[in-house]
């Protein structure tokens, strides 16, 4: 990002698209957040969860993606260039395929998983949780990779997240939006 861009107060997807591809950024309400390379355990968890989700979704209409994958979250119906929120969740599932285009996803995925990293933990647990609730992400999982716990937020009928279900990454966990999908954490015991 150039110094001129660093001095700018508010960024849009049009700005974001012109930044170096060698760096990863997210925009939340026009504020740019740099993303660092994750720890090895982070990538192992993302890879294993992605594999379990991929296997479950074979032959189904929903699609799954892993970062880097742009999710544009418009406030209303503004053009892409004017969208000021673009995130790259670690894992996501989209069931409304009309939200998908060549750039990624425009609108809320159905399920997002963020695996915490030291540099992004507060953003994932607070800023993104509120953002995902506002945009209607049906299920949001936050996974702590080294302490082996997670929090599952589910959107209720009022469009708000209920208090999180706190989980230990020891048992098989059922995904509420796919009641026949169970995430098996056994792979963590093999470390």
N, C-alpha and C. Protein backbone atom coordinates (compact mmCIF):
# COMPACT_ATOMS: atom_id res chain seq x y z
N UNK A 1 0.87 -1.16 0.00
CA UNK A 1 0.00 0.00 0.00
C UNK A 1 0.91 1.23 0.00
N UNK A 2 0.64 2.17 -0.87
CA UNK A 2 1.48 3.37 -0.95
C UNK A 2 1.21 4.29 0.23
N UNK A 3 2.13 5.23 0.47
CA UNK A 3 1.94 6.19 1.55
C UNK A 3 0.68 7.01 1.33
N UNK A 4 0.40 7.38 0.08
CA UNK A 4 -0.82 8.15 -0.21
C UNK A 4 -2.05 7.36 0.21
N UNK A 5 -2.05 6.07 -0.04
CA UNK A 5 -3.20 5.25 0.36
C UNK A 5 -3.27 5.13 1.88
N UNK A 6 -2.12 5.08 2.55
CA UNK A 6 -2.12 4.98 4.00
C UNK A 6 -2.72 6.22 4.65
N UNK A 7 -2.62 7.36 3.98
CA UNK A 7 -3.13 8.60 4.53
C UNK A 7 -4.62 8.78 4.29
N UNK A 8 -5.17 7.99 3.40
CA UNK A 8 -6.60 8.08 3.10
C UNK A 8 -7.41 7.59 4.30
N UNK A 9 -8.55 8.22 4.55
CA UNK A 9 -9.36 7.88 5.71
C UNK A 9 -10.30 6.71 5.50
N UNK A 10 -10.78 6.54 4.31
CA UNK A 10 -11.82 5.54 4.06
C UNK A 10 -11.53 4.85 2.73
N UNK A 11 -11.51 3.51 2.75
CA UNK A 11 -11.20 2.74 1.55
C UNK A 11 -12.43 2.02 1.04
N UNK A 12 -12.40 1.72 -0.24
CA UNK A 12 -13.48 1.00 -0.90
C UNK A 12 -12.89 -0.18 -1.67
N UNK A 13 -13.77 -1.03 -2.13
CA UNK A 13 -13.34 -2.20 -2.91
C UNK A 13 -12.53 -1.77 -4.13
N UNK A 14 -12.84 -0.63 -4.73
CA UNK A 14 -12.07 -0.12 -5.87
C UNK A 14 -10.62 0.10 -5.47
N UNK A 15 -10.37 0.64 -4.28
CA UNK A 15 -9.00 0.82 -3.78
C UNK A 15 -8.35 -0.54 -3.55
N UNK A 16 -9.06 -1.39 -2.85
CA UNK A 16 -8.60 -2.72 -2.47
C UNK A 16 -8.12 -3.52 -3.68
N UNK A 17 -8.85 -3.42 -4.77
CA UNK A 17 -8.52 -4.18 -5.99
C UNK A 17 -7.20 -3.72 -6.62
N UNK A 18 -6.74 -2.54 -6.27
CA UNK A 18 -5.50 -2.01 -6.84
C UNK A 18 -4.29 -2.22 -5.95
N UNK A 19 -4.47 -2.83 -4.78
CA UNK A 19 -3.36 -3.07 -3.89
C UNK A 19 -2.57 -4.29 -4.33
N UNK A 20 -1.35 -4.38 -3.91
CA UNK A 20 -0.45 -5.47 -4.28
C UNK A 20 -1.05 -6.82 -3.90
N UNK A 21 -0.98 -7.76 -4.81
CA UNK A 21 -1.47 -9.12 -4.54
C UNK A 21 -0.54 -9.88 -3.60
N UNK A 22 0.64 -9.33 -3.35
CA UNK A 22 1.58 -10.02 -2.45
C UNK A 22 1.23 -9.77 -0.97
N UNK A 23 0.28 -8.86 -0.72
CA UNK A 23 -0.16 -8.57 0.63
C UNK A 23 -1.64 -8.92 0.75
N UNK A 24 -2.04 -9.33 1.96
CA UNK A 24 -3.46 -9.62 2.20
C UNK A 24 -4.03 -8.56 3.12
N UNK A 25 -5.20 -8.06 2.73
CA UNK A 25 -5.89 -7.03 3.49
C UNK A 25 -7.35 -7.38 3.62
N UNK A 26 -7.98 -6.83 4.63
CA UNK A 26 -9.43 -6.84 4.75
C UNK A 26 -9.86 -5.39 4.96
N UNK A 27 -11.08 -5.09 4.51
CA UNK A 27 -11.68 -3.78 4.76
C UNK A 27 -12.91 -3.99 5.61
N UNK A 28 -13.02 -3.24 6.69
CA UNK A 28 -14.23 -3.29 7.51
C UNK A 28 -14.66 -1.86 7.74
N UNK A 29 -15.80 -1.51 7.17
CA UNK A 29 -16.33 -0.14 7.26
C UNK A 29 -15.29 0.86 6.77
N UNK A 30 -14.58 0.51 5.71
CA UNK A 30 -13.62 1.42 5.10
C UNK A 30 -12.25 1.45 5.73
N UNK A 31 -12.05 0.72 6.84
CA UNK A 31 -10.75 0.68 7.50
C UNK A 31 -9.98 -0.54 7.01
N UNK A 32 -8.72 -0.33 6.62
CA UNK A 32 -7.89 -1.41 6.11
C UNK A 32 -7.17 -2.12 7.25
N UNK A 33 -7.25 -3.45 7.24
CA UNK A 33 -6.57 -4.29 8.23
C UNK A 33 -5.62 -5.23 7.50
N UNK A 34 -4.33 -5.16 7.83
CA UNK A 34 -3.35 -6.07 7.24
C UNK A 34 -3.51 -7.45 7.86
N UNK A 35 -3.27 -8.46 7.05
CA UNK A 35 -3.37 -9.84 7.53
C UNK A 35 -2.00 -10.48 7.46
N UNK A 36 -1.57 -11.09 8.56
CA UNK A 36 -0.27 -11.74 8.63
C UNK A 36 -0.38 -13.21 8.26
N UNK A 37 0.76 -13.81 7.97
CA UNK A 37 0.79 -15.24 7.70
C UNK A 37 0.41 -15.99 8.98
N UNK A 38 -0.48 -16.97 8.88
CA UNK A 38 -0.93 -17.70 10.07
C UNK A 38 0.09 -18.74 10.54
N UNK A 39 -0.11 -19.19 11.79
CA UNK A 39 0.71 -20.26 12.36
C UNK A 39 0.40 -21.59 11.68
N UNK A 40 1.31 -22.52 11.81
CA UNK A 40 1.14 -23.85 11.20
C UNK A 40 -0.13 -24.54 11.70
N UNK A 41 -0.40 -24.50 13.02
CA UNK A 41 -1.59 -25.16 13.57
C UNK A 41 -2.86 -24.55 12.99
N UNK A 42 -2.84 -23.27 12.76
CA UNK A 42 -3.97 -22.59 12.12
C UNK A 42 -4.26 -23.23 10.76
N UNK A 43 -3.22 -23.39 9.96
CA UNK A 43 -3.38 -23.95 8.62
C UNK A 43 -3.79 -25.42 8.65
N UNK A 44 -3.28 -26.16 9.64
CA UNK A 44 -3.68 -27.56 9.76
C UNK A 44 -5.16 -27.68 10.08
N UNK A 45 -5.65 -26.83 10.97
CA UNK A 45 -7.07 -26.85 11.32
C UNK A 45 -7.92 -26.44 10.14
N UNK A 46 -7.53 -25.37 9.45
CA UNK A 46 -8.29 -24.92 8.28
C UNK A 46 -8.32 -26.03 7.21
N UNK A 47 -7.18 -26.66 6.99
CA UNK A 47 -7.12 -27.73 5.99
C UNK A 47 -8.00 -28.92 6.35
N UNK A 48 -7.95 -29.36 7.59
CA UNK A 48 -8.75 -30.50 8.04
C UNK A 48 -10.24 -30.18 8.00
N UNK A 49 -10.62 -29.01 8.52
CA UNK A 49 -12.04 -28.63 8.48
C UNK A 49 -12.52 -28.50 7.05
N UNK A 50 -11.69 -27.89 6.21
CA UNK A 50 -12.05 -27.77 4.79
C UNK A 50 -12.29 -29.13 4.15
N UNK A 51 -11.44 -30.10 4.47
CA UNK A 51 -11.62 -31.44 3.93
C UNK A 51 -12.92 -32.08 4.39
N UNK A 52 -13.24 -31.94 5.69
CA UNK A 52 -14.49 -32.51 6.20
C UNK A 52 -15.71 -31.84 5.56
N UNK A 53 -15.65 -30.53 5.41
CA UNK A 53 -16.76 -29.79 4.81
C UNK A 53 -16.89 -30.15 3.33
N UNK A 54 -15.75 -30.22 2.62
CA UNK A 54 -15.76 -30.60 1.21
C UNK A 54 -16.41 -31.97 1.02
N UNK A 55 -16.00 -32.94 1.83
CA UNK A 55 -16.57 -34.28 1.71
C UNK A 55 -18.07 -34.28 1.95
N UNK A 56 -18.52 -33.53 2.93
CA UNK A 56 -19.95 -33.46 3.24
C UNK A 56 -20.74 -32.81 2.10
N UNK A 57 -20.19 -31.77 1.50
CA UNK A 57 -20.94 -31.01 0.49
C UNK A 57 -20.91 -31.64 -0.90
N UNK A 58 -20.16 -32.70 -1.10
CA UNK A 58 -20.14 -33.34 -2.42
C UNK A 58 -21.55 -33.76 -2.81
N UNK A 59 -21.97 -33.34 -3.98
CA UNK A 59 -23.30 -33.67 -4.49
C UNK A 59 -24.40 -32.77 -3.96
N UNK A 60 -24.06 -31.80 -3.12
CA UNK A 60 -25.05 -30.86 -2.59
C UNK A 60 -24.90 -29.52 -3.30
N UNK A 61 -25.88 -28.65 -3.13
CA UNK A 61 -25.87 -27.38 -3.88
C UNK A 61 -25.02 -26.29 -3.24
N UNK A 62 -24.63 -26.42 -2.00
CA UNK A 62 -23.81 -25.39 -1.34
C UNK A 62 -22.35 -25.54 -1.78
N UNK A 63 -21.62 -24.43 -1.74
CA UNK A 63 -20.20 -24.41 -2.09
C UNK A 63 -19.39 -23.95 -0.88
N UNK A 64 -18.17 -24.46 -0.75
CA UNK A 64 -17.27 -24.07 0.33
C UNK A 64 -16.01 -23.45 -0.26
N UNK A 65 -15.41 -22.54 0.50
CA UNK A 65 -14.19 -21.86 0.06
C UNK A 65 -13.29 -21.63 1.27
N UNK A 66 -12.01 -21.48 0.97
CA UNK A 66 -11.00 -21.21 1.99
C UNK A 66 -10.26 -19.93 1.59
N UNK A 67 -9.79 -19.19 2.60
CA UNK A 67 -9.05 -17.94 2.33
C UNK A 67 -7.77 -18.26 1.57
N UNK A 68 -7.33 -17.33 0.73
CA UNK A 68 -7.94 -16.03 0.46
C UNK A 68 -9.10 -16.15 -0.52
N UNK A 69 -10.23 -15.63 -0.12
CA UNK A 69 -11.46 -15.62 -0.92
C UNK A 69 -12.25 -14.40 -0.47
N UNK A 70 -12.47 -13.46 -1.37
CA UNK A 70 -13.12 -12.20 -1.01
C UNK A 70 -14.62 -12.35 -0.80
N UNK A 71 -15.07 -11.84 0.34
CA UNK A 71 -16.50 -11.73 0.64
C UNK A 71 -16.80 -10.25 0.76
N UNK A 72 -17.55 -9.73 -0.21
CA UNK A 72 -17.95 -8.32 -0.20
C UNK A 72 -19.28 -8.21 0.53
N UNK A 73 -19.34 -7.30 1.50
CA UNK A 73 -20.54 -7.13 2.29
C UNK A 73 -21.08 -5.71 2.11
N UNK A 74 -21.90 -5.52 1.08
CA UNK A 74 -22.45 -4.18 0.84
C UNK A 74 -23.46 -3.78 1.91
N UNK A 75 -23.58 -2.49 2.13
CA UNK A 75 -24.57 -1.98 3.07
C UNK A 75 -25.97 -2.07 2.48
N UNK A 76 -26.06 -1.75 1.20
CA UNK A 76 -27.36 -1.82 0.50
C UNK A 76 -27.12 -2.39 -0.87
N UNK A 77 -27.39 -1.60 -1.90
CA UNK A 77 -27.21 -2.10 -3.27
C UNK A 77 -26.15 -1.31 -4.02
N UNK A 78 -25.17 -0.75 -3.28
CA UNK A 78 -24.12 0.03 -3.93
C UNK A 78 -23.30 -0.85 -4.88
N UNK A 79 -22.71 -0.20 -5.88
CA UNK A 79 -21.85 -0.90 -6.83
C UNK A 79 -20.65 -1.47 -6.09
N UNK A 80 -20.06 -2.53 -6.64
CA UNK A 80 -18.90 -3.15 -6.00
C UNK A 80 -17.81 -2.15 -5.65
N UNK A 81 -17.51 -1.23 -6.56
CA UNK A 81 -16.44 -0.26 -6.31
C UNK A 81 -16.69 0.56 -5.05
N UNK A 82 -17.95 0.70 -4.65
CA UNK A 82 -18.30 1.52 -3.49
C UNK A 82 -18.52 0.70 -2.21
N UNK A 83 -18.36 -0.60 -2.28
CA UNK A 83 -18.46 -1.45 -1.09
C UNK A 83 -17.24 -1.17 -0.22
N UNK A 84 -17.45 -0.93 1.08
CA UNK A 84 -16.32 -0.61 1.95
C UNK A 84 -16.01 -1.72 2.96
N UNK A 85 -16.59 -2.89 2.76
CA UNK A 85 -16.29 -4.03 3.63
C UNK A 85 -16.03 -5.27 2.78
N UNK A 86 -14.80 -5.77 2.88
CA UNK A 86 -14.37 -6.97 2.17
C UNK A 86 -13.55 -7.79 3.16
N UNK A 87 -14.02 -8.99 3.45
CA UNK A 87 -13.32 -9.86 4.40
C UNK A 87 -12.88 -11.14 3.72
N UNK A 88 -11.94 -11.81 4.35
CA UNK A 88 -11.44 -13.09 3.85
C UNK A 88 -11.50 -14.11 4.99
N UNK A 89 -12.69 -14.66 5.25
CA UNK A 89 -12.80 -15.66 6.33
C UNK A 89 -11.91 -16.87 6.03
N UNK A 90 -11.49 -17.55 7.08
CA UNK A 90 -10.67 -18.74 6.89
C UNK A 90 -11.42 -19.79 6.09
N UNK A 91 -12.67 -20.04 6.44
CA UNK A 91 -13.54 -20.98 5.72
C UNK A 91 -14.93 -20.39 5.64
N UNK A 92 -15.62 -20.68 4.56
CA UNK A 92 -17.00 -20.23 4.44
C UNK A 92 -17.79 -21.18 3.56
N UNK A 93 -19.10 -21.18 3.79
CA UNK A 93 -20.02 -21.98 2.99
C UNK A 93 -21.13 -21.05 2.50
N UNK A 94 -21.41 -21.15 1.20
CA UNK A 94 -22.46 -20.34 0.57
C UNK A 94 -23.47 -21.29 -0.05
N UNK A 95 -24.73 -21.13 0.33
CA UNK A 95 -25.79 -21.98 -0.23
C UNK A 95 -26.63 -21.24 -1.27
N UNK A 96 -26.67 -19.91 -1.23
CA UNK A 96 -27.34 -19.11 -2.26
C UNK A 96 -26.31 -18.80 -3.32
N UNK A 97 -26.25 -19.65 -4.35
CA UNK A 97 -25.20 -19.55 -5.36
C UNK A 97 -25.28 -18.28 -6.19
N UNK A 98 -26.40 -17.57 -6.13
CA UNK A 98 -26.51 -16.29 -6.85
C UNK A 98 -25.59 -15.24 -6.23
N UNK A 99 -25.08 -15.48 -5.03
CA UNK A 99 -24.15 -14.54 -4.39
C UNK A 99 -22.72 -14.69 -4.92
N UNK A 100 -22.45 -15.77 -5.63
CA UNK A 100 -21.11 -16.05 -6.12
C UNK A 100 -20.89 -15.44 -7.50
N UNK A 101 -19.70 -14.87 -7.70
CA UNK A 101 -19.30 -14.37 -9.01
C UNK A 101 -17.80 -14.60 -9.17
N UNK A 102 -17.23 -14.11 -10.24
CA UNK A 102 -15.81 -14.36 -10.49
C UNK A 102 -14.91 -13.69 -9.45
N UNK A 103 -15.41 -12.70 -8.72
CA UNK A 103 -14.62 -12.00 -7.71
C UNK A 103 -14.68 -12.68 -6.34
N UNK A 104 -15.63 -13.54 -6.13
CA UNK A 104 -15.82 -14.19 -4.84
C UNK A 104 -17.29 -14.27 -4.48
N UNK A 105 -17.65 -13.67 -3.35
CA UNK A 105 -19.02 -13.71 -2.86
C UNK A 105 -19.46 -12.28 -2.55
N UNK A 106 -20.67 -11.93 -2.98
CA UNK A 106 -21.25 -10.64 -2.64
C UNK A 106 -22.48 -10.91 -1.78
N UNK A 107 -22.36 -10.62 -0.50
CA UNK A 107 -23.42 -10.91 0.44
C UNK A 107 -22.95 -11.93 1.46
N UNK A 108 -23.79 -12.17 2.44
CA UNK A 108 -23.41 -13.01 3.57
C UNK A 108 -23.38 -14.49 3.21
N UNK A 109 -22.26 -15.16 3.51
CA UNK A 109 -22.25 -16.63 3.45
C UNK A 109 -23.19 -17.19 4.52
N UNK A 110 -23.51 -18.45 4.41
CA UNK A 110 -24.37 -19.10 5.40
C UNK A 110 -23.59 -19.48 6.66
N UNK A 111 -22.32 -19.85 6.48
CA UNK A 111 -21.51 -20.33 7.59
C UNK A 111 -20.09 -19.81 7.40
N UNK A 112 -19.53 -19.26 8.45
CA UNK A 112 -18.14 -18.78 8.44
C UNK A 112 -17.42 -19.38 9.63
N UNK A 113 -16.18 -19.80 9.38
CA UNK A 113 -15.30 -20.27 10.44
C UNK A 113 -14.05 -19.40 10.41
N UNK A 114 -13.70 -18.85 11.56
CA UNK A 114 -12.44 -18.13 11.72
C UNK A 114 -11.61 -18.89 12.75
N UNK A 115 -10.38 -19.21 12.39
CA UNK A 115 -9.44 -19.82 13.31
C UNK A 115 -8.56 -18.69 13.81
N UNK A 116 -8.55 -18.49 15.11
CA UNK A 116 -7.87 -17.32 15.69
C UNK A 116 -6.37 -17.35 15.46
N UNK A 117 -5.85 -16.17 15.18
CA UNK A 117 -4.41 -15.91 15.13
C UNK A 117 -4.14 -14.81 16.15
N UNK A 118 -2.96 -14.79 16.74
CA UNK A 118 -2.69 -13.76 17.75
C UNK A 118 -2.94 -12.33 17.25
N UNK A 119 -2.61 -12.06 16.00
CA UNK A 119 -2.75 -10.70 15.48
C UNK A 119 -4.18 -10.32 15.11
N UNK A 120 -5.08 -11.29 15.00
CA UNK A 120 -6.45 -10.97 14.56
C UNK A 120 -7.52 -11.44 15.54
N UNK A 121 -7.14 -11.97 16.69
CA UNK A 121 -8.12 -12.57 17.60
C UNK A 121 -9.21 -11.60 18.03
N UNK A 122 -8.83 -10.40 18.44
CA UNK A 122 -9.83 -9.44 18.91
C UNK A 122 -10.76 -9.04 17.76
N UNK A 123 -10.20 -8.82 16.59
CA UNK A 123 -11.01 -8.47 15.43
C UNK A 123 -12.01 -9.60 15.10
N UNK A 124 -11.55 -10.84 15.14
CA UNK A 124 -12.43 -11.97 14.83
C UNK A 124 -13.52 -12.14 15.88
N UNK A 125 -13.16 -11.93 17.15
CA UNK A 125 -14.11 -12.19 18.23
C UNK A 125 -15.10 -11.06 18.45
N UNK A 126 -14.75 -9.86 18.09
CA UNK A 126 -15.64 -8.72 18.34
C UNK A 126 -16.10 -8.06 17.04
N UNK A 127 -15.18 -7.47 16.31
CA UNK A 127 -15.54 -6.70 15.11
C UNK A 127 -16.24 -7.57 14.07
N UNK A 128 -15.64 -8.70 13.77
CA UNK A 128 -16.23 -9.57 12.74
C UNK A 128 -17.52 -10.23 13.24
N UNK A 129 -17.57 -10.58 14.50
CA UNK A 129 -18.81 -11.16 15.04
C UNK A 129 -19.97 -10.20 14.83
N UNK A 130 -19.79 -8.95 15.17
CA UNK A 130 -20.85 -7.95 14.98
C UNK A 130 -21.15 -7.74 13.50
N UNK A 131 -20.10 -7.73 12.68
CA UNK A 131 -20.27 -7.56 11.24
C UNK A 131 -21.07 -8.72 10.65
N UNK A 132 -20.72 -9.94 11.01
CA UNK A 132 -21.40 -11.12 10.48
C UNK A 132 -22.85 -11.18 10.96
N UNK A 133 -23.09 -10.78 12.18
CA UNK A 133 -24.46 -10.70 12.67
C UNK A 133 -25.26 -9.68 11.86
N UNK A 134 -24.70 -8.51 11.68
CA UNK A 134 -25.37 -7.43 10.93
C UNK A 134 -25.75 -7.88 9.52
N UNK A 135 -24.88 -8.67 8.88
CA UNK A 135 -25.12 -9.07 7.50
C UNK A 135 -25.87 -10.40 7.36
N UNK A 136 -26.16 -11.06 8.47
CA UNK A 136 -26.99 -12.25 8.43
C UNK A 136 -26.29 -13.56 8.19
N UNK A 137 -25.03 -13.68 8.62
CA UNK A 137 -24.34 -14.98 8.55
C UNK A 137 -25.02 -15.90 9.55
N UNK A 138 -25.58 -17.00 9.06
CA UNK A 138 -26.42 -17.86 9.90
C UNK A 138 -25.67 -18.55 11.03
N UNK A 139 -24.44 -18.94 10.76
CA UNK A 139 -23.66 -19.63 11.79
C UNK A 139 -22.21 -19.15 11.69
N UNK A 140 -21.65 -18.76 12.83
CA UNK A 140 -20.28 -18.25 12.89
C UNK A 140 -19.52 -19.01 13.95
N UNK A 141 -18.43 -19.65 13.54
CA UNK A 141 -17.58 -20.40 14.45
C UNK A 141 -16.26 -19.67 14.63
N UNK A 142 -15.83 -19.56 15.88
CA UNK A 142 -14.52 -19.04 16.22
C UNK A 142 -13.77 -20.18 16.90
N UNK A 143 -12.59 -20.51 16.37
CA UNK A 143 -11.81 -21.63 16.88
C UNK A 143 -10.49 -21.12 17.43
N UNK A 144 -10.18 -21.49 18.68
CA UNK A 144 -8.88 -21.16 19.26
C UNK A 144 -7.98 -22.38 19.05
N UNK A 145 -6.98 -22.27 18.17
CA UNK A 145 -6.23 -23.46 17.76
C UNK A 145 -5.30 -24.04 18.82
N UNK A 146 -4.74 -23.22 19.68
CA UNK A 146 -3.77 -23.76 20.64
C UNK A 146 -4.41 -24.16 21.96
N UNK A 147 -5.47 -23.48 22.35
CA UNK A 147 -6.15 -23.84 23.59
C UNK A 147 -7.29 -24.84 23.36
N UNK A 148 -7.57 -25.13 22.10
CA UNK A 148 -8.53 -26.16 21.68
C UNK A 148 -9.93 -25.96 22.23
N UNK A 149 -10.45 -24.75 22.05
CA UNK A 149 -11.85 -24.46 22.34
C UNK A 149 -12.41 -23.62 21.20
N UNK A 150 -13.71 -23.53 21.17
CA UNK A 150 -14.35 -22.72 20.15
C UNK A 150 -15.64 -22.12 20.67
N UNK A 151 -16.16 -21.18 19.90
CA UNK A 151 -17.46 -20.57 20.19
C UNK A 151 -18.28 -20.64 18.91
N UNK A 152 -19.53 -21.05 19.08
CA UNK A 152 -20.44 -21.16 17.94
C UNK A 152 -21.57 -20.17 18.16
N UNK A 153 -21.71 -19.24 17.22
CA UNK A 153 -22.80 -18.27 17.24
C UNK A 153 -23.82 -18.67 16.18
N UNK A 154 -25.09 -18.63 16.57
CA UNK A 154 -26.17 -18.96 15.64
C UNK A 154 -27.14 -17.79 15.60
N UNK A 155 -27.52 -17.43 14.39
CA UNK A 155 -28.45 -16.31 14.20
C UNK A 155 -29.86 -16.76 14.58
N UNK A 156 -30.52 -15.98 15.43
CA UNK A 156 -31.88 -16.33 15.81
C UNK A 156 -32.90 -15.65 14.89
N UNK A 157 -34.17 -15.88 15.15
CA UNK A 157 -35.24 -15.36 14.30
C UNK A 157 -35.33 -13.84 14.33
N UNK A 158 -34.69 -13.19 15.31
CA UNK A 158 -34.67 -11.72 15.39
C UNK A 158 -33.46 -11.13 14.68
N UNK A 159 -32.65 -11.99 14.04
CA UNK A 159 -31.48 -11.50 13.32
C UNK A 159 -30.31 -11.16 14.22
N UNK A 160 -30.29 -11.73 15.42
CA UNK A 160 -29.20 -11.50 16.38
C UNK A 160 -28.57 -12.84 16.73
N UNK A 161 -27.30 -12.80 17.10
CA UNK A 161 -26.66 -14.02 17.57
C UNK A 161 -27.07 -14.28 19.01
N UNK A 162 -27.43 -15.53 19.26
CA UNK A 162 -27.66 -15.96 20.63
C UNK A 162 -26.31 -15.99 21.34
N UNK A 163 -26.33 -16.15 22.66
CA UNK A 163 -25.07 -16.34 23.37
C UNK A 163 -24.34 -17.52 22.75
N UNK A 164 -23.02 -17.46 22.69
CA UNK A 164 -22.30 -18.53 21.99
C UNK A 164 -22.35 -19.84 22.75
N UNK A 165 -22.32 -20.90 21.99
CA UNK A 165 -22.11 -22.22 22.56
C UNK A 165 -20.60 -22.41 22.61
N UNK A 166 -20.06 -22.60 23.80
CA UNK A 166 -18.63 -22.80 23.96
C UNK A 166 -18.36 -24.29 23.87
N UNK A 167 -17.41 -24.65 23.01
CA UNK A 167 -17.14 -26.06 22.77
C UNK A 167 -15.68 -26.39 23.07
N UNK A 168 -15.46 -27.62 23.45
CA UNK A 168 -14.12 -28.16 23.57
C UNK A 168 -13.84 -28.92 22.27
N UNK A 169 -12.65 -28.77 21.75
CA UNK A 169 -12.32 -29.44 20.49
C UNK A 169 -11.87 -30.87 20.75
N UNK A 170 -12.70 -31.57 21.52
CA UNK A 170 -12.43 -32.97 21.84
C UNK A 170 -13.54 -33.87 21.33
N UNK A 171 -14.74 -33.33 21.26
CA UNK A 171 -15.90 -34.13 20.88
C UNK A 171 -16.31 -33.80 19.45
N UNK A 172 -17.10 -34.66 18.89
CA UNK A 172 -17.69 -34.39 17.58
C UNK A 172 -18.78 -33.34 17.76
N UNK A 173 -18.79 -32.34 16.89
CA UNK A 173 -19.74 -31.23 17.00
C UNK A 173 -20.64 -31.21 15.77
N UNK A 174 -21.95 -31.11 16.00
CA UNK A 174 -22.92 -31.03 14.91
C UNK A 174 -23.06 -29.59 14.46
N UNK A 175 -23.11 -29.39 13.16
CA UNK A 175 -23.31 -28.07 12.56
C UNK A 175 -24.81 -27.82 12.49
N UNK A 176 -25.28 -26.73 13.08
CA UNK A 176 -26.73 -26.53 13.17
C UNK A 176 -27.39 -26.31 11.81
N UNK A 177 -26.71 -25.66 10.88
CA UNK A 177 -27.37 -25.43 9.58
C UNK A 177 -27.33 -26.66 8.68
N UNK A 178 -26.52 -27.65 9.05
CA UNK A 178 -26.47 -28.94 8.35
C UNK A 178 -26.53 -30.01 9.45
N UNK A 179 -27.70 -30.37 9.88
CA UNK A 179 -27.84 -31.23 11.05
C UNK A 179 -27.23 -32.62 10.89
N UNK A 180 -26.94 -33.01 9.65
CA UNK A 180 -26.32 -34.32 9.45
C UNK A 180 -24.80 -34.21 9.22
N UNK A 181 -24.24 -33.01 9.43
CA UNK A 181 -22.79 -32.82 9.34
C UNK A 181 -22.22 -32.72 10.75
N UNK A 182 -21.27 -33.59 11.04
CA UNK A 182 -20.58 -33.54 12.32
C UNK A 182 -19.10 -33.32 12.06
N UNK A 183 -18.54 -32.33 12.75
CA UNK A 183 -17.11 -32.05 12.64
C UNK A 183 -16.39 -32.89 13.70
N UNK A 184 -15.44 -33.68 13.23
CA UNK A 184 -14.68 -34.58 14.10
C UNK A 184 -13.33 -33.94 14.40
N UNK A 185 -13.04 -33.73 15.67
CA UNK A 185 -11.80 -33.08 16.10
C UNK A 185 -10.70 -34.09 16.43
N UNK A 186 -10.90 -35.33 16.12
CA UNK A 186 -9.93 -36.37 16.44
C UNK A 186 -8.53 -36.05 15.88
N UNK A 187 -8.47 -35.36 14.76
CA UNK A 187 -7.20 -35.04 14.12
C UNK A 187 -6.28 -34.23 15.05
N UNK A 188 -6.85 -33.47 15.98
CA UNK A 188 -6.02 -32.68 16.91
C UNK A 188 -5.24 -33.55 17.88
N UNK A 189 -5.76 -34.73 18.16
CA UNK A 189 -5.11 -35.64 19.11
C UNK A 189 -3.91 -36.32 18.49
N UNK A 190 -3.78 -36.22 17.17
CA UNK A 190 -2.68 -36.87 16.47
C UNK A 190 -1.43 -36.01 16.46
N UNK A 191 -1.51 -34.81 16.99
CA UNK A 191 -0.37 -33.89 17.01
C UNK A 191 0.70 -34.37 17.97
